[in-house]
Amino acid sequence: MNFGLIHSVWTVLLFVLFIGIIVWAWSAKRKKRFDKAARMPLEDDDAVSKRPSGDKKHG
């Protein structure tokens, strides 16, 4: 095999991987989860402050 063929195959494989990631990210099944993640920074922090003092989120 020459290097030209190897580079061509590698380019096609990476392109197919790229298209697969695009399809995965834009699929309708994941829209709800991605929308929720996008709204997280804008949500009110009251839910965090209302937690009982004994309930530690980390550790």
PDB file of N, CA and C in Angstrom:
ATOM      1  N   MET A   1       0.843  -1.186   0.000  1.00  0.00           N
ATOM      2  CA  MET A   1       0.000   0.000   0.000  1.00  0.00           C
ATOM      3  C   MET A   1       0.883   1.243   0.000  1.00  0.00           C
ATOM      4  N   ASN A   2       0.519   2.181  -0.807  1.00  0.00           N
ATOM      5  CA  ASN A   2       1.293   3.422  -0.807  1.00  0.00           C
ATOM      6  C   ASN A   2       0.661   4.426   0.166  1.00  0.00           C
ATOM      7  N   PHE A   3       1.414   5.446   0.498  1.00  0.00           N
ATOM      8  CA  PHE A   3       0.955   6.404   1.495  1.00  0.00           C
ATOM      9  C   PHE A   3      -0.213   7.239   0.998  1.00  0.00           C
ATOM     10  N   GLY A   4      -0.320   7.450  -0.283  1.00  0.00           N
ATOM     11  CA  GLY A   4      -1.452   8.196  -0.832  1.00  0.00           C
ATOM     12  C   GLY A   4      -2.774   7.499  -0.539  1.00  0.00           C
ATOM     13  N   LEU A   5      -2.802   6.185  -0.699  1.00  0.00           N
ATOM     14  CA  LEU A   5      -4.017   5.421  -0.417  1.00  0.00           C
ATOM     15  C   LEU A   5      -4.336   5.428   1.076  1.00  0.00           C
ATOM     16  N   ILE A   6      -3.311   5.285   1.904  1.00  0.00           N
ATOM     17  CA  ILE A   6      -3.513   5.297   3.355  1.00  0.00           C
ATOM     18  C   ILE A   6      -4.073   6.642   3.803  1.00  0.00           C
ATOM     19  N   HIS A   7      -3.530   7.719   3.281  1.00  0.00           N
ATOM     20  CA  HIS A   7      -4.022   9.047   3.636  1.00  0.00           C
ATOM     21  C   HIS A   7      -5.460   9.254   3.145  1.00  0.00           C
ATOM     22  N   SER A   8      -5.779   8.755   2.005  1.00  0.00           N
ATOM     23  CA  SER A   8      -7.140   8.875   1.481  1.00  0.00           C
ATOM     24  C   SER A   8      -8.133   8.105   2.345  1.00  0.00           C
ATOM     25  N   VAL A   9      -7.779   6.891   2.703  1.00  0.00           N
ATOM     26  CA  VAL A   9      -8.662   6.083   3.545  1.00  0.00           C
ATOM     27  C   VAL A   9      -8.828   6.754   4.906  1.00  0.00           C
ATOM     28  N   TRP A  10      -7.740   7.249   5.481  1.00  0.00           N
ATOM     29  CA  TRP A  10      -7.791   7.924   6.771  1.00  0.00           C
ATOM     30  C   TRP A  10      -8.690   9.167   6.703  1.00  0.00           C
ATOM     31  N   THR A  11      -8.588   9.926   5.624  1.00  0.00           N
ATOM     32  CA  THR A  11      -9.419  11.113   5.451  1.00  0.00           C
ATOM     33  C   THR A  11     -10.890  10.741   5.356  1.00  0.00           C
ATOM     34  N   VAL A  12     -11.204   9.711   4.617  1.00  0.00           N
ATOM     35  CA  VAL A  12     -12.594   9.272   4.481  1.00  0.00           C
ATOM     36  C   VAL A  12     -13.128   8.779   5.826  1.00  0.00           C
ATOM     37  N   LEU A  13     -12.340   8.022   6.573  1.00  0.00           N
ATOM     38  CA  LEU A  13     -12.772   7.545   7.888  1.00  0.00           C
ATOM     39  C   LEU A  13     -13.040   8.696   8.852  1.00  0.00           C
ATOM     40  N   LEU A  14     -12.171   9.691   8.868  1.00  0.00           N
ATOM     41  CA  LEU A  14     -12.382  10.840   9.740  1.00  0.00           C
ATOM     42  C   LEU A  14     -13.603  11.649   9.315  1.00  0.00           C
ATOM     43  N   PHE A  15     -13.838  11.746   8.023  1.00  0.00           N
ATOM     44  CA  PHE A  15     -15.013  12.453   7.539  1.00  0.00           C
ATOM     45  C   PHE A  15     -16.290  11.722   7.947  1.00  0.00           C
ATOM     46  N   VAL A  16     -16.297  10.410   7.842  1.00  0.00           N
ATOM     47  CA  VAL A  16     -17.459   9.620   8.255  1.00  0.00           C
ATOM     48  C   VAL A  16     -17.677   9.767   9.764  1.00  0.00           C
ATOM     49  N   LEU A  17     -16.613   9.768  10.545  1.00  0.00           N
ATOM     50  CA  LEU A  17     -16.718   9.986  11.982  1.00  0.00           C
ATOM     51  C   LEU A  17     -17.296  11.365  12.283  1.00  0.00           C
ATOM     52  N   PHE A  18     -16.841  12.368  11.579  1.00  0.00           N
ATOM     53  CA  PHE A  18     -17.346  13.732  11.754  1.00  0.00           C
ATOM     54  C   PHE A  18     -18.845  13.804  11.453  1.00  0.00           C
ATOM     55  N   ILE A  19     -19.263  13.207  10.357  1.00  0.00           N
ATOM     56  CA  ILE A  19     -20.685  13.203  10.000  1.00  0.00           C
ATOM     57  C   ILE A  19     -21.487  12.438  11.054  1.00  0.00           C
ATOM     58  N   GLY A  20     -20.944  11.348  11.577  1.00  0.00           N
ATOM     59  CA  GLY A  20     -21.616  10.593  12.628  1.00  0.00           C
ATOM     60  C   GLY A  20     -21.822  11.423  13.885  1.00  0.00           C
ATOM     61  N   ILE A  21     -20.826  12.207  14.260  1.00  0.00           N
ATOM     62  CA  ILE A  21     -20.956  13.072  15.432  1.00  0.00           C
ATOM     63  C   ILE A  21     -22.003  14.149  15.190  1.00  0.00           C
ATOM     64  N   ILE A  22     -22.039  14.711  14.003  1.00  0.00           N
ATOM     65  CA  ILE A  22     -23.046  15.721  13.664  1.00  0.00           C
ATOM     66  C   ILE A  22     -24.447  15.120  13.758  1.00  0.00           C
ATOM     67  N   VAL A  23     -24.638  13.941  13.206  1.00  0.00           N
ATOM     68  CA  VAL A  23     -25.953  13.282  13.259  1.00  0.00           C
ATOM     69  C   VAL A  23     -26.333  12.992  14.703  1.00  0.00           C
ATOM     70  N   TRP A  24     -25.373  12.520  15.505  1.00  0.00           N
ATOM     71  CA  TRP A  24     -25.646  12.230  16.910  1.00  0.00           C
ATOM     72  C   TRP A  24     -26.062  13.502  17.664  1.00  0.00           C
ATOM     73  N   ALA A  25     -25.333  14.597  17.445  1.00  0.00           N
ATOM     74  CA  ALA A  25     -25.602  15.827  18.187  1.00  0.00           C
ATOM     75  C   ALA A  25     -26.918  16.470  17.777  1.00  0.00           C
ATOM     76  N   TRP A  26     -27.316  16.339  16.536  1.00  0.00           N
ATOM     77  CA  TRP A  26     -28.536  16.987  16.049  1.00  0.00           C
ATOM     78  C   TRP A  26     -29.741  16.055  16.047  1.00  0.00           C
ATOM     79  N   SER A  27     -29.613  14.856  16.604  1.00  0.00           N
ATOM     80  CA  SER A  27     -30.751  13.940  16.586  1.00  0.00           C
ATOM     81  C   SER A  27     -31.840  14.436  17.533  1.00  0.00           C
ATOM     82  N   ALA A  28     -33.071  14.144  17.189  1.00  0.00           N
ATOM     83  CA  ALA A  28     -34.215  14.614  17.969  1.00  0.00           C
ATOM     84  C   ALA A  28     -34.259  13.968  19.351  1.00  0.00           C
ATOM     85  N   LYS A  29     -33.710  12.770  19.496  1.00  0.00           N
ATOM     86  CA  LYS A  29     -33.722  12.086  20.790  1.00  0.00           C
ATOM     87  C   LYS A  29     -32.935  12.856  21.849  1.00  0.00           C
ATOM     88  N   ARG A  30     -31.906  13.564  21.458  1.00  0.00           N
ATOM     89  CA  ARG A  30     -31.046  14.249  22.416  1.00  0.00           C
ATOM     90  C   ARG A  30     -31.403  15.710  22.620  1.00  0.00           C
ATOM     91  N   LYS A  31     -32.362  16.218  21.877  1.00  0.00           N
ATOM     92  CA  LYS A  31     -32.707  17.634  21.962  1.00  0.00           C
ATOM     93  C   LYS A  31     -33.142  18.030  23.362  1.00  0.00           C
ATOM     94  N   LYS A  32     -33.974  17.229  24.000  1.00  0.00           N
ATOM     95  CA  LYS A  32     -34.469  17.551  25.330  1.00  0.00           C
ATOM     96  C   LYS A  32     -33.320  17.643  26.344  1.00  0.00           C
ATOM     97  N   ARG A  33     -32.396  16.687  26.290  1.00  0.00           N
ATOM     98  CA  ARG A  33     -31.274  16.687  27.227  1.00  0.00           C
ATOM     99  C   ARG A  33     -30.331  17.861  26.963  1.00  0.00           C
ATOM    100  N   PHE A  34     -30.073  18.170  25.702  1.00  0.00           N
ATOM    101  CA  PHE A  34     -29.196  19.287  25.380  1.00  0.00           C
ATOM    102  C   PHE A  34     -29.836  20.619  25.743  1.00  0.00           C
ATOM    103  N   ASP A  35     -31.151  20.751  25.559  1.00  0.00           N
ATOM    104  CA  ASP A  35     -31.845  21.976  25.952  1.00  0.00           C
ATOM    105  C   ASP A  35     -31.778  22.167  27.467  1.00  0.00           C
ATOM    106  N   LYS A  36     -31.939  21.086  28.216  1.00  0.00           N
ATOM    107  CA  LYS A  36     -31.851  21.164  29.671  1.00  0.00           C
ATOM    108  C   LYS A  36     -30.439  21.586  30.097  1.00  0.00           C
ATOM    109  N   ALA A  37     -29.430  21.032  29.476  1.00  0.00           N
ATOM    110  CA  ALA A  37     -28.046  21.389  29.801  1.00  0.00           C
ATOM    111  C   ALA A  37     -27.752  22.840  29.436  1.00  0.00           C
ATOM    112  N   ALA A  38     -28.352  23.325  28.367  1.00  0.00           N
ATOM    113  CA  ALA A  38     -28.132  24.708  27.950  1.00  0.00           C
ATOM    114  C   ALA A  38     -28.773  25.696  28.924  1.00  0.00           C
ATOM    115  N   ARG A  39     -29.866  25.291  29.582  1.00  0.00           N
ATOM    116  CA  ARG A  39     -30.550  26.175  30.524  1.00  0.00           C
ATOM    117  C   ARG A  39     -29.954  26.133  31.929  1.00  0.00           C
ATOM    118  N   MET A  40     -29.110  25.175  32.233  1.00  0.00           N
ATOM    119  CA  MET A  40     -28.576  25.015  33.588  1.00  0.00           C
ATOM    120  C   MET A  40     -27.903  26.277  34.141  1.00  0.00           C
ATOM    121  N   PRO A  41     -27.081  26.987  33.393  1.00  0.00           N
ATOM    122  CA  PRO A  41     -26.446  28.184  33.962  1.00  0.00           C
ATOM    123  C   PRO A  41     -27.451  29.299  34.276  1.00  0.00           C
ATOM    124  N   LEU A  42     -28.614  29.267  33.665  1.00  0.00           N
ATOM    125  CA  LEU A  42     -29.591  30.323  33.853  1.00  0.00           C
ATOM    126  C   LEU A  42     -30.601  30.017  34.948  1.00  0.00           C
ATOM    127  N   GLU A  43     -30.593  28.807  35.468  1.00  0.00           N
ATOM    128  CA  GLU A  43     -31.557  28.429  36.484  1.00  0.00           C
ATOM    129  C   GLU A  43     -31.236  29.096  37.813  1.00  0.00           C
ATOM    130  N   ASP A  44     -32.279  29.249  38.618  1.00  0.00           N
ATOM    131  CA  ASP A  44     -32.155  29.892  39.914  1.00  0.00           C
ATOM    132  C   ASP A  44     -31.392  28.992  40.882  1.00  0.00           C
ATOM    133  N   ASP A  45     -30.607  29.576  41.752  1.00  0.00           N
ATOM    134  CA  ASP A  45     -29.817  28.806  42.708  1.00  0.00           C
ATOM    135  C   ASP A  45     -30.568  28.521  44.001  1.00  0.00           C
ATOM    136  N   ASP A  46     -31.854  28.847  44.089  1.00  0.00           N
ATOM    137  CA  ASP A  46     -32.624  28.599  45.309  1.00  0.00           C
ATOM    138  C   ASP A  46     -32.690  27.120  45.643  1.00  0.00           C
ATOM    139  N   ALA A  47     -32.744  26.277  44.636  1.00  0.00           N
ATOM    140  CA  ALA A  47     -32.826  24.839  44.880  1.00  0.00           C
ATOM    141  C   ALA A  47     -31.585  24.351  45.619  1.00  0.00           C
ATOM    142  N   VAL A  48     -30.457  24.941  45.360  1.00  0.00           N
ATOM    143  CA  VAL A  48     -29.220  24.537  46.022  1.00  0.00           C
ATOM    144  C   VAL A  48     -29.217  25.031  47.464  1.00  0.00           C
ATOM    145  N   SER A  49     -29.684  26.245  47.708  1.00  0.00           N
ATOM    146  CA  SER A  49     -29.645  26.800  49.055  1.00  0.00           C
ATOM    147  C   SER A  49     -30.708  26.196  49.966  1.00  0.00           C
ATOM    148  N   LYS A  50     -31.756  25.562  49.428  1.00  0.00           N
ATOM    149  CA  LYS A  50     -32.821  24.970  50.229  1.00  0.00           C
ATOM    150  C   LYS A  50     -32.505  23.543  50.670  1.00  0.00           C
ATOM    151  N   ARG A  51     -31.356  23.005  50.252  1.00  0.00           N
ATOM    152  CA  ARG A  51     -30.983  21.655  50.655  1.00  0.00           C
ATOM    153  C   ARG A  51     -30.698  21.606  52.138  1.00  0.00           C
ATOM    154  N   PRO A  52     -31.052  20.526  52.808  1.00  0.00           N
ATOM    155  CA  PRO A  52     -30.709  20.395  54.226  1.00  0.00           C
ATOM    156  C   PRO A  52     -29.200  20.471  54.428  1.00  0.00           C
ATOM    157  N   SER A  53     -28.792  21.001  55.564  1.00  0.00           N
ATOM    158  CA  SER A  53     -27.360  21.212  55.793  1.00  0.00           C
ATOM    159  C   SER A  53     -26.561  19.914  55.844  1.00  0.00           C
ATOM    160  N   GLY A  54     -27.214  18.809  56.192  1.00  0.00           N
ATOM    161  CA  GLY A  54     -26.497  17.528  56.268  1.00  0.00           C
ATOM    162  C   GLY A  54     -26.291  16.888  54.908  1.00  0.00           C
ATOM    163  N   ASP A  55     -26.982  17.364  53.885  1.00  0.00           N
ATOM    164  CA  ASP A  55     -26.893  16.794  52.546  1.00  0.00           C
ATOM    165  C   ASP A  55     -25.766  17.463  51.786  1.00  0.00           C
ATOM    166  N   LYS A  56     -24.641  16.780  51.689  1.00  0.00           N
ATOM    167  CA  LYS A  56     -23.509  17.347  50.973  1.00  0.00           C
ATOM    168  C   LYS A  56     -23.471  16.822  49.572  1.00  0.00           C
ATOM    169  N   LYS A  57     -23.348  17.720  48.622  1.00  0.00           N
ATOM    170  CA  LYS A  57     -23.347  17.319  47.212  1.00  0.00           C
ATOM    171  C   LYS A  57     -22.007  16.692  46.820  1.00  0.00           C
ATOM    172  N   HIS A  58     -20.934  17.180  47.367  1.00  0.00           N
ATOM    173  CA  HIS A  58     -19.608  16.656  46.977  1.00  0.00           C
ATOM    174  C   HIS A  58     -18.901  16.099  48.209  1.00  0.00           C
ATOM    175  N   GLY A  59     -18.668  14.832  48.151  1.00  0.00           N
ATOM    176  CA  GLY A  59     -17.834  14.231  49.139  1.00  0.00           C
ATOM    177  C   GLY A  59     -18.469  13.676  50.312  1.00  0.00           C
TER     178      GLY A  59
END
